Amino acid sequence: MGIQRICKHGESVLKKVSEPVDFPAFKPKLKGLLKDMWATMRAARGVGLAAPQIGLNIRLAVIDVRPDEKPQPLVLINPEIISREGVLEEEEGCLSIPGLYAKVKRY
């Protein structure tokens, strides 16, 4: 598949609640999909990409958690926030809304 088209703000797939990944059923496709997601994210000069951004309505995302240092890839499958602490406010952008940046508070 390779580099995928990134869905833009307003497209219906970005408005839907994503379905959980059935890991045993999805496992054979996972390696290739993750490779494509990393390639797409890097080609767009991003630091994170969720599956809905490439048209897949599943709970899967890739993030480079150290974009200014040595790359440290993180894959999230069916992520859930189970606790939070502290607050950090940083400027962020989104590959689905090119050119828009805003300060976002995160735990």
N, C-alpha and C. Protein backbone atom coordinates (compact mmCIF):
# COMPACT_ATOMS: atom_id res chain seq x y z
N MET A 1 0.82 -1.18 0.00
CA MET A 1 0.00 0.00 0.00
C MET A 1 0.87 1.26 0.00
N GLY A 2 1.84 1.39 0.88
CA GLY A 2 2.73 2.54 0.90
C GLY A 2 2.12 3.76 1.55
N ILE A 3 2.54 4.93 1.10
CA ILE A 3 2.06 6.19 1.67
C ILE A 3 0.59 6.37 1.30
N GLN A 4 -0.20 6.69 2.31
CA GLN A 4 -1.65 6.82 2.14
C GLN A 4 -2.07 8.29 2.07
N ARG A 5 -3.24 8.52 1.50
CA ARG A 5 -3.82 9.86 1.49
C ARG A 5 -4.33 10.18 2.90
N ILE A 6 -4.05 11.37 3.38
CA ILE A 6 -4.52 11.78 4.70
C ILE A 6 -5.86 12.49 4.55
N CYS A 7 -6.85 11.97 5.28
CA CYS A 7 -8.19 12.58 5.26
C CYS A 7 -8.12 13.95 5.92
N LYS A 8 -8.90 14.86 5.38
CA LYS A 8 -8.91 16.24 5.87
C LYS A 8 -10.17 16.53 6.68
N HIS A 9 -10.05 17.57 7.52
CA HIS A 9 -11.15 18.04 8.35
C HIS A 9 -12.44 18.12 7.53
N GLY A 10 -13.50 17.57 8.09
CA GLY A 10 -14.79 17.58 7.41
C GLY A 10 -15.17 16.25 6.79
N GLU A 11 -14.19 15.38 6.53
CA GLU A 11 -14.51 14.07 5.94
C GLU A 11 -15.21 13.20 6.98
N SER A 12 -16.17 12.43 6.53
CA SER A 12 -17.04 11.67 7.44
C SER A 12 -16.29 10.68 8.33
N VAL A 13 -15.24 10.06 7.84
CA VAL A 13 -14.52 9.07 8.65
C VAL A 13 -13.94 9.71 9.91
N LEU A 14 -13.65 10.99 9.87
CA LEU A 14 -13.09 11.68 11.03
C LEU A 14 -14.16 12.06 12.05
N LYS A 15 -15.42 11.91 11.69
CA LYS A 15 -16.52 12.25 12.58
C LYS A 15 -17.10 11.03 13.30
N LYS A 16 -16.68 9.84 12.89
CA LYS A 16 -17.23 8.60 13.45
C LYS A 16 -16.44 8.15 14.68
N VAL A 17 -17.13 7.47 15.59
CA VAL A 17 -16.46 6.83 16.71
C VAL A 17 -15.76 5.59 16.17
N SER A 18 -14.48 5.45 16.44
CA SER A 18 -13.70 4.33 15.90
C SER A 18 -14.03 3.03 16.61
N GLU A 19 -13.98 1.96 15.84
CA GLU A 19 -14.23 0.61 16.37
C GLU A 19 -12.97 0.05 17.02
N PRO A 20 -13.11 -0.75 18.08
CA PRO A 20 -11.93 -1.41 18.66
C PRO A 20 -11.29 -2.36 17.65
N VAL A 21 -10.00 -2.52 17.76
CA VAL A 21 -9.26 -3.46 16.92
C VAL A 21 -9.43 -4.86 17.51
N ASP A 22 -9.89 -5.81 16.70
CA ASP A 22 -9.94 -7.22 17.09
C ASP A 22 -8.55 -7.76 16.79
N PHE A 23 -7.68 -7.74 17.80
CA PHE A 23 -6.27 -8.03 17.58
C PHE A 23 -6.02 -9.38 16.92
N PRO A 24 -6.59 -10.49 17.40
CA PRO A 24 -6.31 -11.77 16.74
C PRO A 24 -6.69 -11.78 15.25
N ALA A 25 -7.81 -11.17 14.92
CA ALA A 25 -8.25 -11.15 13.52
C ALA A 25 -7.41 -10.19 12.69
N PHE A 26 -6.94 -9.13 13.31
CA PHE A 26 -6.23 -8.08 12.59
C PHE A 26 -4.72 -8.30 12.52
N LYS A 27 -4.21 -9.18 13.37
CA LYS A 27 -2.76 -9.38 13.49
C LYS A 27 -2.04 -9.63 12.16
N PRO A 28 -2.55 -10.44 11.23
CA PRO A 28 -1.84 -10.67 9.97
C PRO A 28 -1.64 -9.40 9.14
N LYS A 29 -2.54 -8.42 9.27
CA LYS A 29 -2.46 -7.19 8.49
C LYS A 29 -1.68 -6.08 9.21
N LEU A 30 -1.45 -6.26 10.51
CA LEU A 30 -0.93 -5.18 11.34
C LEU A 30 0.45 -4.68 10.93
N LYS A 31 1.38 -5.57 10.66
CA LYS A 31 2.74 -5.16 10.32
C LYS A 31 2.76 -4.26 9.08
N GLY A 32 2.06 -4.65 8.04
CA GLY A 32 2.02 -3.86 6.81
C GLY A 32 1.32 -2.53 7.02
N LEU A 33 0.21 -2.53 7.77
CA LEU A 33 -0.51 -1.30 8.02
C LEU A 33 0.34 -0.32 8.83
N LEU A 34 1.02 -0.82 9.85
CA LEU A 34 1.87 0.06 10.66
C LEU A 34 3.01 0.64 9.83
N LYS A 35 3.58 -0.16 8.96
CA LYS A 35 4.65 0.33 8.08
C LYS A 35 4.12 1.48 7.21
N ASP A 36 2.92 1.30 6.66
CA ASP A 36 2.31 2.34 5.84
C ASP A 36 1.98 3.59 6.65
N MET A 37 1.51 3.40 7.88
CA MET A 37 1.18 4.55 8.73
C MET A 37 2.44 5.34 9.07
N TRP A 38 3.53 4.65 9.42
CA TRP A 38 4.79 5.35 9.71
C TRP A 38 5.27 6.11 8.48
N ALA A 39 5.22 5.48 7.32
CA ALA A 39 5.68 6.13 6.09
C ALA A 39 4.81 7.35 5.76
N THR A 40 3.52 7.23 5.95
CA THR A 40 2.60 8.34 5.69
C THR A 40 2.86 9.50 6.64
N MET A 41 3.00 9.18 7.92
CA MET A 41 3.25 10.21 8.93
C MET A 41 4.55 10.95 8.65
N ARG A 42 5.60 10.21 8.35
CA ARG A 42 6.91 10.83 8.10
C ARG A 42 6.90 11.65 6.81
N ALA A 43 6.24 11.15 5.77
CA ALA A 43 6.17 11.88 4.51
C ALA A 43 5.44 13.21 4.69
N ALA A 44 4.49 13.24 5.62
CA ALA A 44 3.74 14.47 5.89
C ALA A 44 4.42 15.34 6.95
N ARG A 45 5.58 14.87 7.42
CA ARG A 45 6.36 15.58 8.45
C ARG A 45 5.58 15.75 9.75
N GLY A 46 4.84 14.69 10.10
CA GLY A 46 4.06 14.70 11.34
C GLY A 46 4.76 13.93 12.44
N VAL A 47 4.18 13.97 13.63
CA VAL A 47 4.71 13.21 14.76
C VAL A 47 3.69 12.21 15.29
N GLY A 48 2.52 12.17 14.67
CA GLY A 48 1.50 11.21 15.07
C GLY A 48 0.47 11.06 13.96
N LEU A 49 -0.14 9.88 13.91
CA LEU A 49 -1.16 9.60 12.90
C LEU A 49 -2.09 8.53 13.44
N ALA A 50 -3.39 8.78 13.35
CA ALA A 50 -4.40 7.81 13.76
C ALA A 50 -5.00 7.15 12.52
N ALA A 51 -5.41 5.91 12.67
CA ALA A 51 -5.96 5.17 11.54
C ALA A 51 -7.12 5.90 10.84
N PRO A 52 -8.03 6.57 11.56
CA PRO A 52 -9.09 7.30 10.84
C PRO A 52 -8.55 8.37 9.89
N GLN A 53 -7.37 8.88 10.16
CA GLN A 53 -6.79 9.90 9.29
C GLN A 53 -6.39 9.33 7.92
N ILE A 54 -6.31 8.01 7.81
CA ILE A 54 -6.06 7.39 6.51
C ILE A 54 -7.28 6.57 6.07
N GLY A 55 -8.43 6.89 6.66
CA GLY A 55 -9.69 6.30 6.21
C GLY A 55 -10.09 5.00 6.86
N LEU A 56 -9.39 4.58 7.92
CA LEU A 56 -9.72 3.32 8.60
C LEU A 56 -10.39 3.62 9.94
N ASN A 57 -11.61 3.18 10.12
CA ASN A 57 -12.38 3.48 11.32
C ASN A 57 -12.06 2.50 12.45
N ILE A 58 -10.77 2.47 12.86
CA ILE A 58 -10.34 1.58 13.95
C ILE A 58 -9.50 2.37 14.94
N ARG A 59 -9.41 1.86 16.17
CA ARG A 59 -8.68 2.52 17.25
C ARG A 59 -7.20 2.10 17.21
N LEU A 60 -6.45 2.75 16.36
CA LEU A 60 -5.03 2.46 16.15
C LEU A 60 -4.33 3.78 15.83
N ALA A 61 -3.18 4.00 16.44
CA ALA A 61 -2.41 5.23 16.18
C ALA A 61 -0.93 4.95 16.31
N VAL A 62 -0.14 5.76 15.63
CA VAL A 62 1.32 5.72 15.76
C VAL A 62 1.79 7.12 16.16
N ILE A 63 2.78 7.16 17.04
CA ILE A 63 3.31 8.44 17.53
C ILE A 63 4.81 8.33 17.67
N ASP A 64 5.52 9.37 17.23
CA ASP A 64 6.95 9.48 17.50
C ASP A 64 7.06 10.37 18.72
N VAL A 65 7.31 9.78 19.88
CA VAL A 65 7.26 10.53 21.14
C VAL A 65 8.49 11.39 21.40
N ARG A 66 9.49 11.33 20.55
CA ARG A 66 10.67 12.19 20.67
C ARG A 66 11.06 12.73 19.29
N PRO A 67 10.21 13.57 18.71
CA PRO A 67 10.46 14.01 17.34
C PRO A 67 11.72 14.87 17.15
N ASP A 68 12.19 15.55 18.20
CA ASP A 68 13.37 16.40 18.05
C ASP A 68 14.66 15.70 18.44
N GLU A 69 14.54 14.48 18.92
CA GLU A 69 15.71 13.70 19.32
C GLU A 69 15.71 12.40 18.51
N LYS A 70 16.34 11.39 19.05
CA LYS A 70 16.31 10.07 18.41
C LYS A 70 14.86 9.57 18.37
N PRO A 71 14.38 9.14 17.20
CA PRO A 71 12.99 8.67 17.10
C PRO A 71 12.69 7.57 18.11
N GLN A 72 11.53 7.67 18.72
CA GLN A 72 11.06 6.65 19.66
C GLN A 72 9.61 6.33 19.30
N PRO A 73 9.41 5.30 18.47
CA PRO A 73 8.06 4.99 18.00
C PRO A 73 7.19 4.38 19.09
N LEU A 74 5.92 4.77 19.06
CA LEU A 74 4.93 4.24 19.98
C LEU A 74 3.71 3.86 19.14
N VAL A 75 3.22 2.64 19.34
CA VAL A 75 2.01 2.16 18.66
C VAL A 75 0.93 2.01 19.71
N LEU A 76 -0.24 2.58 19.44
CA LEU A 76 -1.37 2.48 20.36
C LEU A 76 -2.48 1.68 19.69
N ILE A 77 -2.84 0.56 20.31
CA ILE A 77 -3.93 -0.29 19.84
C ILE A 77 -5.01 -0.28 20.91
N ASN A 78 -6.20 0.15 20.56
CA ASN A 78 -7.31 0.27 21.51
C ASN A 78 -6.91 1.07 22.76
N PRO A 79 -6.35 2.26 22.59
CA PRO A 79 -5.89 3.02 23.76
C PRO A 79 -7.04 3.51 24.63
N GLU A 80 -6.77 3.58 25.93
CA GLU A 80 -7.71 4.12 26.90
C GLU A 80 -6.93 4.94 27.90
N ILE A 81 -7.45 6.09 28.28
CA ILE A 81 -6.83 6.89 29.33
C ILE A 81 -7.34 6.35 30.65
N ILE A 82 -6.43 5.84 31.48
CA ILE A 82 -6.84 5.24 32.75
C ILE A 82 -6.41 6.07 33.96
N SER A 83 -5.51 7.02 33.74
CA SER A 83 -5.12 7.94 34.81
C SER A 83 -4.50 9.17 34.18
N ARG A 84 -4.35 10.21 34.97
CA ARG A 84 -3.74 11.42 34.47
C ARG A 84 -3.08 12.16 35.63
N GLU A 85 -2.03 12.91 35.30
CA GLU A 85 -1.36 13.72 36.32
C GLU A 85 -0.60 14.84 35.64
N GLY A 86 -0.46 15.95 36.35
CA GLY A 86 0.25 17.10 35.81
C GLY A 86 -0.44 17.66 34.58
N VAL A 87 -0.01 18.82 34.15
CA VAL A 87 -0.54 19.43 32.94
C VAL A 87 0.61 20.05 32.17
N LEU A 88 0.60 19.85 30.87
CA LEU A 88 1.60 20.42 29.98
C LEU A 88 0.85 21.11 28.85
N GLU A 89 1.24 22.34 28.55
CA GLU A 89 0.61 23.06 27.45
C GLU A 89 1.65 23.30 26.37
N GLU A 90 1.39 22.77 25.19
CA GLU A 90 2.30 22.87 24.06
C GLU A 90 1.51 23.22 22.81
N GLU A 91 2.19 23.79 21.84
CA GLU A 91 1.55 24.06 20.55
C GLU A 91 1.52 22.76 19.75
N GLU A 92 0.37 22.47 19.17
CA GLU A 92 0.20 21.25 18.38
C GLU A 92 -0.49 21.58 17.07
N GLY A 93 -0.28 20.70 16.12
CA GLY A 93 -0.97 20.76 14.85
C GLY A 93 -1.60 19.41 14.57
N CYS A 94 -2.28 19.29 13.45
CA CYS A 94 -2.92 18.04 13.07
C CYS A 94 -2.77 17.86 11.57
N LEU A 95 -2.36 16.68 11.14
CA LEU A 95 -2.17 16.43 9.72
C LEU A 95 -3.48 16.52 8.94
N SER A 96 -4.62 16.39 9.63
CA SER A 96 -5.91 16.50 8.96
C SER A 96 -6.41 17.94 8.86
N ILE A 97 -5.71 18.86 9.52
CA ILE A 97 -6.03 20.28 9.44
C ILE A 97 -4.73 21.02 9.17
N PRO A 98 -4.19 20.91 7.95
CA PRO A 98 -2.89 21.48 7.64
C PRO A 98 -2.82 22.99 7.89
N GLY A 99 -1.70 23.40 8.49
CA GLY A 99 -1.45 24.83 8.69
C GLY A 99 -2.05 25.42 9.94
N LEU A 100 -2.88 24.69 10.67
CA LEU A 100 -3.48 25.21 11.89
C LEU A 100 -2.74 24.67 13.10
N TYR A 101 -2.30 25.57 13.97
CA TYR A 101 -1.61 25.20 15.20
C TYR A 101 -2.26 25.93 16.35
N ALA A 102 -2.32 25.28 17.51
CA ALA A 102 -2.91 25.90 18.69
C ALA A 102 -2.28 25.29 19.94
N LYS A 103 -2.31 26.05 21.02
CA LYS A 103 -1.82 25.53 22.30
C LYS A 103 -2.87 24.58 22.85
N VAL A 104 -2.40 23.40 23.27
CA VAL A 104 -3.28 22.36 23.78
C VAL A 104 -2.75 21.92 25.13
N LYS A 105 -3.65 21.79 26.12
CA LYS A 105 -3.27 21.28 27.43
C LYS A 105 -3.44 19.77 27.44
N ARG A 106 -2.41 19.08 27.89
CA ARG A 106 -2.43 17.61 27.99
C ARG A 106 -1.91 17.22 29.38
N TYR A 107 -2.40 16.10 29.86
CA TYR A 107 -1.87 15.55 31.12
C TYR A 107 -0.64 14.75 30.83
